[in-house]
Amino acid sequence: MTLKVIGAGFGRTGTNTLRKVLNQLGFGPCYHMYEVIKRPEHIAVWHKAAEGELPNWEALFEGFHSGVDWPVSRFWRELADQYPDAKIILSERDPEAWFKSIDKTIFETWRTEDVPDGFAALRAMTSALIRDGVFGGNIDDKDHVIDVFKKNGADVRAGIAPDRLLVFDPNDGWAPLCEFLGVPVPDEEFPHTNTTEDFVSRRRSDD
């Protein structure tokens, strides 16, 4: 099985919404951080990837047709080369709104010393792969974090052919996504999931 869609956008840019709609549009199952959490054996694989030991992508993504969110988006270059026919979606949002969201959600999980039972390995992997690997460990400098976010967007735009790339804001709804993927627009409202409030509430329930 091969990936048909690869997400290059950072977490907190509507990646869970994108996961849901890709599943609905026939490009699922879609690999997302949620899938890592459900597969503890994948955590070690991604931790090794953070340290430079890339996995066997075909084995890792067996059973999946798409992938979005971290840790997938951390390796968008490698995956774009591995799957040359896959389409690339760069999910983005207003940088200020994005920072406010990620600072209250993902970043907050790294600031607390309390780790829910069974989540130590996941915390270590995400710290290595995202906190340190993406942001250089400097998550408290807003300007730095936003610069990293903007640079990722610029790198994706420069590195992927325009006809293979969709820059997507979930607020754009179904039309541009469906046109890009060549599928009909569903006759229902475009979903929006995993808000900041949803993330915080879910995390508290895990404590």
C-alpha atoms as a PDB file:
ATOM      1  CA  MET A   1       0.000   0.000   0.000  1.00  0.00           C
ATOM      2  CA  THR A   2       1.279   3.482  -0.775  1.00  0.00           C
ATOM      3  CA  LEU A   3       0.607   6.972   0.542  1.00  0.00           C
ATOM      4  CA  LYS A   4      -1.499   9.059  -1.814  1.00  0.00           C
ATOM      5  CA  VAL A   5      -1.577  12.222   0.314  1.00  0.00           C
ATOM      6  CA  ILE A   6       1.153  13.603   2.585  1.00  0.00           C
ATOM      7  CA  GLY A   7       0.604  16.429   5.035  1.00  0.00           C
ATOM      8  CA  ALA A   8       3.494  18.898   5.403  1.00  0.00           C
ATOM      9  CA  GLY A   9       1.821  21.215   7.902  1.00  0.00           C
ATOM     10  CA  PHE A  10       2.671  21.546  11.579  1.00  0.00           C
ATOM     11  CA  GLY A  11       0.415  20.290  14.331  1.00  0.00           C
ATOM     12  CA  ARG A  12      -2.360  22.693  15.375  1.00  0.00           C
ATOM     13  CA  THR A  13      -3.060  23.732  11.779  1.00  0.00           C
ATOM     14  CA  GLY A  14      -6.235  21.695  11.497  1.00  0.00           C
ATOM     15  CA  THR A  15      -4.466  18.377  11.026  1.00  0.00           C
ATOM     16  CA  ASN A  16      -7.068  16.361  12.888  1.00  0.00           C
ATOM     17  CA  THR A  17      -9.793  17.929  10.750  1.00  0.00           C
ATOM     18  CA  LEU A  18      -7.715  17.059   7.685  1.00  0.00           C
ATOM     19  CA  ARG A  19      -7.345  13.485   8.946  1.00  0.00           C
ATOM     20  CA  LYS A  20     -11.097  13.198   9.309  1.00  0.00           C
ATOM     21  CA  VAL A  21     -11.946  14.580   5.878  1.00  0.00           C
ATOM     22  CA  LEU A  22      -9.269  12.539   4.098  1.00  0.00           C
ATOM     23  CA  ASN A  23     -10.784   9.427   5.636  1.00  0.00           C
ATOM     24  CA  GLN A  24     -14.212  10.589   4.497  1.00  0.00           C
ATOM     25  CA  LEU A  25     -13.065  11.387   0.957  1.00  0.00           C
ATOM     26  CA  GLY A  26     -11.586   7.931   0.391  1.00  0.00           C
ATOM     27  CA  PHE A  27      -7.922   8.634   1.186  1.00  0.00           C
ATOM     28  CA  GLY A  28      -7.900   6.786   4.477  1.00  0.00           C
ATOM     29  CA  PRO A  29      -6.920   5.305   6.684  1.00  0.00           C
ATOM     30  CA  CYS A  30      -4.951   8.457   7.473  1.00  0.00           C
ATOM     31  CA  TYR A  31      -1.876   8.262   9.709  1.00  0.00           C
ATOM     32  CA  HIS A  32      -1.816  10.925  12.459  1.00  0.00           C
ATOM     33  CA  MET A  33      -0.269  11.299  15.915  1.00  0.00           C
ATOM     34  CA  TYR A  34      -3.395   9.549  17.201  1.00  0.00           C
ATOM     35  CA  GLU A  35      -2.263   6.433  15.330  1.00  0.00           C
ATOM     36  CA  VAL A  36       1.140   6.586  17.018  1.00  0.00           C
ATOM     37  CA  ILE A  37      -0.525   6.730  20.427  1.00  0.00           C
ATOM     38  CA  LYS A  38      -2.527   3.616  19.549  1.00  0.00           C
ATOM     39  CA  ARG A  39       0.610   1.801  18.363  1.00  0.00           C
ATOM     40  CA  PRO A  40       3.271   1.909  21.097  1.00  0.00           C
ATOM     41  CA  GLU A  41       5.675  -0.009  18.874  1.00  0.00           C
ATOM     42  CA  HIS A  42       5.723   2.970  16.487  1.00  0.00           C
ATOM     43  CA  ILE A  43       6.933   5.347  19.196  1.00  0.00           C
ATOM     44  CA  ALA A  44      10.409   3.818  19.251  1.00  0.00           C
ATOM     45  CA  VAL A  45      10.552   3.893  15.438  1.00  0.00           C
ATOM     46  CA  TRP A  46       9.836   7.619  15.378  1.00  0.00           C
ATOM     47  CA  HIS A  47      12.271   8.263  18.221  1.00  0.00           C
ATOM     48  CA  LYS A  48      15.009   6.618  16.166  1.00  0.00           C
ATOM     49  CA  ALA A  49      13.947   8.736  13.187  1.00  0.00           C
ATOM     50  CA  ALA A  50      14.419  11.843  15.321  1.00  0.00           C
ATOM     51  CA  GLU A  51      17.990  10.658  15.911  1.00  0.00           C
ATOM     52  CA  GLY A  52      18.642  10.128  12.201  1.00  0.00           C
ATOM     53  CA  GLU A  53      17.735   6.468  11.707  1.00  0.00           C
ATOM     54  CA  LEU A  54      14.967   6.607   9.138  1.00  0.00           C
ATOM     55  CA  PRO A  55      12.425   3.776   9.164  1.00  0.00           C
ATOM     56  CA  ASN A  56      11.232   1.423   6.495  1.00  0.00           C
ATOM     57  CA  TRP A  57       8.421   3.683   5.336  1.00  0.00           C
ATOM     58  CA  GLU A  58       6.478   0.919   3.594  1.00  0.00           C
ATOM     59  CA  ALA A  59       6.425  -1.173   6.754  1.00  0.00           C
ATOM     60  CA  LEU A  60       5.587   1.771   8.998  1.00  0.00           C
ATOM     61  CA  PHE A  61       2.664   2.948   6.859  1.00  0.00           C
ATOM     62  CA  GLU A  62       1.304  -0.486   6.011  1.00  0.00           C
ATOM     63  CA  GLY A  63      -2.475  -0.192   5.763  1.00  0.00           C
ATOM     64  CA  PHE A  64      -2.510   3.613   5.352  1.00  0.00           C
ATOM     65  CA  HIS A  65      -3.227   5.731   2.267  1.00  0.00           C
ATOM     66  CA  SER A  66      -2.391   9.151   3.712  1.00  0.00           C
ATOM     67  CA  GLY A  67      -0.560  10.808   6.584  1.00  0.00           C
ATOM     68  CA  VAL A  68      -0.795  14.199   8.256  1.00  0.00           C
ATOM     69  CA  ASP A  69       0.341  15.940  11.450  1.00  0.00           C
ATOM     70  CA  TRP A  70       3.546  15.273  13.336  1.00  0.00           C
ATOM     71  CA  PRO A  71       5.478  13.019  13.173  1.00  0.00           C
ATOM     72  CA  VAL A  72       4.662  12.589   9.457  1.00  0.00           C
ATOM     73  CA  SER A  73       5.119  16.253   8.567  1.00  0.00           C
ATOM     74  CA  ARG A  74       8.578  16.310  10.157  1.00  0.00           C
ATOM     75  CA  PHE A  75       9.703  14.152   7.208  1.00  0.00           C
ATOM     76  CA  TRP A  76       7.737  15.664   4.342  1.00  0.00           C
ATOM     77  CA  ARG A  77      10.845  15.899   2.140  1.00  0.00           C
ATOM     78  CA  GLU A  78      11.778  12.249   2.567  1.00  0.00           C
ATOM     79  CA  LEU A  79       8.184  11.112   2.107  1.00  0.00           C
ATOM     80  CA  ALA A  80       7.662  13.267  -0.994  1.00  0.00           C
ATOM     81  CA  ASP A  81      10.668  11.488  -2.519  1.00  0.00           C
ATOM     82  CA  GLN A  82       9.557   8.053  -1.295  1.00  0.00           C
ATOM     83  CA  TYR A  83       6.077   8.506  -2.788  1.00  0.00           C
ATOM     84  CA  PRO A  84       6.591  10.615  -5.937  1.00  0.00           C
ATOM     85  CA  ASP A  85       2.962  10.295  -7.027  1.00  0.00           C
ATOM     86  CA  ALA A  86       1.557  11.463  -3.684  1.00  0.00           C
ATOM     87  CA  LYS A  87      -0.037  14.872  -3.404  1.00  0.00           C
ATOM     88  CA  ILE A  88       1.238  17.228  -0.711  1.00  0.00           C
ATOM     89  CA  ILE A  89      -1.023  19.326   1.494  1.00  0.00           C
ATOM     90  CA  LEU A  90       0.483  22.177   3.491  1.00  0.00           C
ATOM     91  CA  SER A  91      -2.058  23.002   6.181  1.00  0.00           C
ATOM     92  CA  GLU A  92      -1.571  26.511   7.511  1.00  0.00           C
ATOM     93  CA  ARG A  93      -3.332  29.156   9.573  1.00  0.00           C
ATOM     94  CA  ASP A  94      -2.654  32.662  10.826  1.00  0.00           C
ATOM     95  CA  PRO A  95       0.748  32.440  12.591  1.00  0.00           C
ATOM     96  CA  GLU A  96      -0.383  34.386  15.657  1.00  0.00           C
ATOM     97  CA  ALA A  97      -3.473  32.221  16.101  1.00  0.00           C
ATOM     98  CA  TRP A  98      -1.392  29.109  15.506  1.00  0.00           C
ATOM     99  CA  PHE A  99       1.158  30.090  18.156  1.00  0.00           C
ATOM    100  CA  LYS A 100      -1.539  30.827  20.685  1.00  0.00           C
ATOM    101  CA  SER A 101      -3.028  27.384  20.061  1.00  0.00           C
ATOM    102  CA  ILE A 102       0.182  25.344  20.122  1.00  0.00           C
ATOM    103  CA  ASP A 103       1.519  27.217  23.146  1.00  0.00           C
ATOM    104  CA  LYS A 104      -1.554  26.269  25.198  1.00  0.00           C
ATOM    105  CA  THR A 105      -1.667  22.670  24.012  1.00  0.00           C
ATOM    106  CA  ILE A 106       1.362  20.780  22.704  1.00  0.00           C
ATOM    107  CA  PHE A 107       3.961  23.080  24.268  1.00  0.00           C
ATOM    108  CA  GLU A 108       2.219  22.907  27.612  1.00  0.00           C
ATOM    109  CA  THR A 109       2.614  19.130  27.692  1.00  0.00           C
ATOM    110  CA  TRP A 110       6.402  19.603  27.640  1.00  0.00           C
ATOM    111  CA  ARG A 111       6.424  22.195  30.405  1.00  0.00           C
ATOM    112  CA  THR A 112       4.753  20.073  33.034  1.00  0.00           C
ATOM    113  CA  GLU A 113       6.703  17.496  35.012  1.00  0.00           C
ATOM    114  CA  ASP A 114       3.614  15.316  35.357  1.00  0.00           C
ATOM    115  CA  VAL A 115       3.447  12.569  32.740  1.00  0.00           C
ATOM    116  CA  PRO A 116       0.295  10.405  32.640  1.00  0.00           C
ATOM    117  CA  ASP A 117       0.842   6.693  33.150  1.00  0.00           C
ATOM    118  CA  GLY A 118       2.054   5.030  29.984  1.00  0.00           C
ATOM    119  CA  PHE A 119       2.978   8.277  28.226  1.00  0.00           C
ATOM    120  CA  ALA A 120       6.669   8.582  29.170  1.00  0.00           C
ATOM    121  CA  ALA A 121       7.950   7.079  25.905  1.00  0.00           C
ATOM    122  CA  LEU A 122       5.589   9.237  23.850  1.00  0.00           C
ATOM    123  CA  ARG A 123       6.726  12.354  25.734  1.00  0.00           C
ATOM    124  CA  ALA A 124      10.372  11.464  25.113  1.00  0.00           C
ATOM    125  CA  MET A 125       9.763  10.854  21.405  1.00  0.00           C
ATOM    126  CA  THR A 126       7.792  14.041  20.793  1.00  0.00           C
ATOM    127  CA  SER A 127      10.335  16.039  22.774  1.00  0.00           C
ATOM    128  CA  ALA A 128      13.169  14.711  20.619  1.00  0.00           C
ATOM    129  CA  LEU A 129      11.360  14.848  17.296  1.00  0.00           C
ATOM    130  CA  ILE A 130       9.312  18.042  17.615  1.00  0.00           C
ATOM    131  CA  ARG A 131      10.423  20.199  20.543  1.00  0.00           C
ATOM    132  CA  ASP A 132      14.126  19.717  19.860  1.00  0.00           C
ATOM    133  CA  GLY A 133      14.113  18.543  16.243  1.00  0.00           C
ATOM    134  CA  VAL A 134      11.744  21.185  14.890  1.00  0.00           C
ATOM    135  CA  PHE A 135      12.090  24.098  17.316  1.00  0.00           C
ATOM    136  CA  GLY A 136      15.629  23.550  18.581  1.00  0.00           C
ATOM    137  CA  GLY A 137      14.305  23.190  22.123  1.00  0.00           C
ATOM    138  CA  ASN A 138      13.336  26.864  22.197  1.00  0.00           C
ATOM    139  CA  ILE A 139       9.557  26.810  22.552  1.00  0.00           C
ATOM    140  CA  ASP A 140       9.248  29.827  24.852  1.00  0.00           C
ATOM    141  CA  ASP A 141      10.509  32.380  22.329  1.00  0.00           C
ATOM    142  CA  LYS A 142       7.399  33.324  20.382  1.00  0.00           C
ATOM    143  CA  ASP A 143       9.262  35.075  17.572  1.00  0.00           C
ATOM    144  CA  HIS A 144      11.537  32.074  17.092  1.00  0.00           C
ATOM    145  CA  VAL A 145       8.648  29.615  17.052  1.00  0.00           C
ATOM    146  CA  ILE A 146       6.702  31.657  14.503  1.00  0.00           C
ATOM    147  CA  ASP A 147       9.825  32.033  12.355  1.00  0.00           C
ATOM    148  CA  VAL A 148      10.205  28.228  12.313  1.00  0.00           C
ATOM    149  CA  PHE A 149       6.545  27.888  11.349  1.00  0.00           C
ATOM    150  CA  LYS A 150       6.906  30.371   8.499  1.00  0.00           C
ATOM    151  CA  LYS A 151      10.146  28.809   7.279  1.00  0.00           C
ATOM    152  CA  ASN A 152       8.495  25.406   7.044  1.00  0.00           C
ATOM    153  CA  GLY A 153       5.795  26.878   4.845  1.00  0.00           C
ATOM    154  CA  ALA A 154       8.361  28.606   2.654  1.00  0.00           C
ATOM    155  CA  ASP A 155      10.444  25.429   2.370  1.00  0.00           C
ATOM    156  CA  VAL A 156       7.429  23.354   1.323  1.00  0.00           C
ATOM    157  CA  ARG A 157       6.415  25.911  -1.293  1.00  0.00           C
ATOM    158  CA  ALA A 158       9.956  25.970  -2.651  1.00  0.00           C
ATOM    159  CA  GLY A 159      10.469  22.219  -2.518  1.00  0.00           C
ATOM    160  CA  ILE A 160       7.233  20.893  -4.022  1.00  0.00           C
ATOM    161  CA  ALA A 161       6.031  21.493  -7.575  1.00  0.00           C
ATOM    162  CA  PRO A 162       2.969  23.783  -7.624  1.00  0.00           C
ATOM    163  CA  ASP A 163       0.781  21.222  -9.380  1.00  0.00           C
ATOM    164  CA  ARG A 164       1.540  18.722  -6.615  1.00  0.00           C
ATOM    165  CA  LEU A 165       0.908  21.089  -3.706  1.00  0.00           C
ATOM    166  CA  LEU A 166      -2.180  22.484  -1.991  1.00  0.00           C
ATOM    167  CA  VAL A 167      -1.747  25.185   0.645  1.00  0.00           C
ATOM    168  CA  PHE A 168      -4.817  24.652   2.753  1.00  0.00           C
ATOM    169  CA  ASP A 169      -6.534  26.529   5.554  1.00  0.00           C
ATOM    170  CA  PRO A 170      -9.386  24.474   7.089  1.00  0.00           C
ATOM    171  CA  ASN A 171     -11.507  27.613   6.952  1.00  0.00           C
ATOM    172  CA  ASP A 172     -11.414  27.246   3.158  1.00  0.00           C
ATOM    173  CA  GLY A 173     -13.763  24.267   3.459  1.00  0.00           C
ATOM    174  CA  TRP A 174     -14.397  21.500   0.984  1.00  0.00           C
ATOM    175  CA  ALA A 175     -14.006  23.201  -2.404  1.00  0.00           C
ATOM    176  CA  PRO A 176     -10.227  23.640  -2.818  1.00  0.00           C
ATOM    177  CA  LEU A 177      -9.454  20.332  -1.136  1.00  0.00           C
ATOM    178  CA  CYS A 178     -11.869  18.330  -3.266  1.00  0.00           C
ATOM    179  CA  GLU A 179     -10.750  20.046  -6.459  1.00  0.00           C
ATOM    180  CA  PHE A 180      -7.123  19.288  -5.643  1.00  0.00           C
ATOM    181  CA  LEU A 181      -7.868  15.643  -4.886  1.00  0.00           C
ATOM    182  CA  GLY A 182     -10.244  15.229  -7.808  1.00  0.00           C
ATOM    183  CA  VAL A 183     -13.254  14.114  -5.799  1.00  0.00           C
ATOM    184  CA  PRO A 184     -16.843  15.417  -5.445  1.00  0.00           C
ATOM    185  CA  VAL A 185     -17.701  17.885  -2.696  1.00  0.00           C
ATOM    186  CA  PRO A 186     -19.720  16.152   0.057  1.00  0.00           C
ATOM    187  CA  ASP A 187     -23.211  17.441   0.691  1.00  0.00           C
ATOM    188  CA  GLU A 188     -22.567  18.354   4.306  1.00  0.00           C
ATOM    189  CA  GLU A 189     -20.896  21.010   6.413  1.00  0.00           C
ATOM    190  CA  PHE A 190     -17.102  20.923   6.585  1.00  0.00           C
ATOM    191  CA  PRO A 191     -16.051  19.657  10.043  1.00  0.00           C
ATOM    192  CA  HIS A 192     -13.769  21.439  12.481  1.00  0.00           C
ATOM    193  CA  THR A 193     -12.279  19.274  15.231  1.00  0.00           C
ATOM    194  CA  ASN A 194      -9.725  19.246  18.045  1.00  0.00           C
ATOM    195  CA  THR A 195      -9.971  22.873  19.134  1.00  0.00           C
ATOM    196  CA  THR A 196      -7.677  24.170  21.847  1.00  0.00           C
ATOM    197  CA  GLU A 197     -10.461  23.562  24.347  1.00  0.00           C
ATOM    198  CA  ASP A 198     -10.888  19.984  23.115  1.00  0.00           C
ATOM    199  CA  PHE A 199      -7.147  19.307  23.445  1.00  0.00           C
ATOM    200  CA  VAL A 200      -6.890  20.713  26.969  1.00  0.00           C
ATOM    201  CA  SER A 201     -10.017  18.868  28.117  1.00  0.00           C
ATOM    202  CA  ARG A 202      -8.741  15.565  26.709  1.00  0.00           C
ATOM    203  CA  ARG A 203      -5.332  16.026  28.302  1.00  0.00           C
ATOM    204  CA  ARG A 204      -6.872  16.717  31.720  1.00  0.00           C
ATOM    205  CA  SER A 205      -8.863  13.519  31.427  1.00  0.00           C
ATOM    206  CA  ASP A 206      -5.568  11.636  30.931  1.00  0.00           C
ATOM    207  CA  ASP A 207      -3.961  13.065  34.059  1.00  0.00           C
END
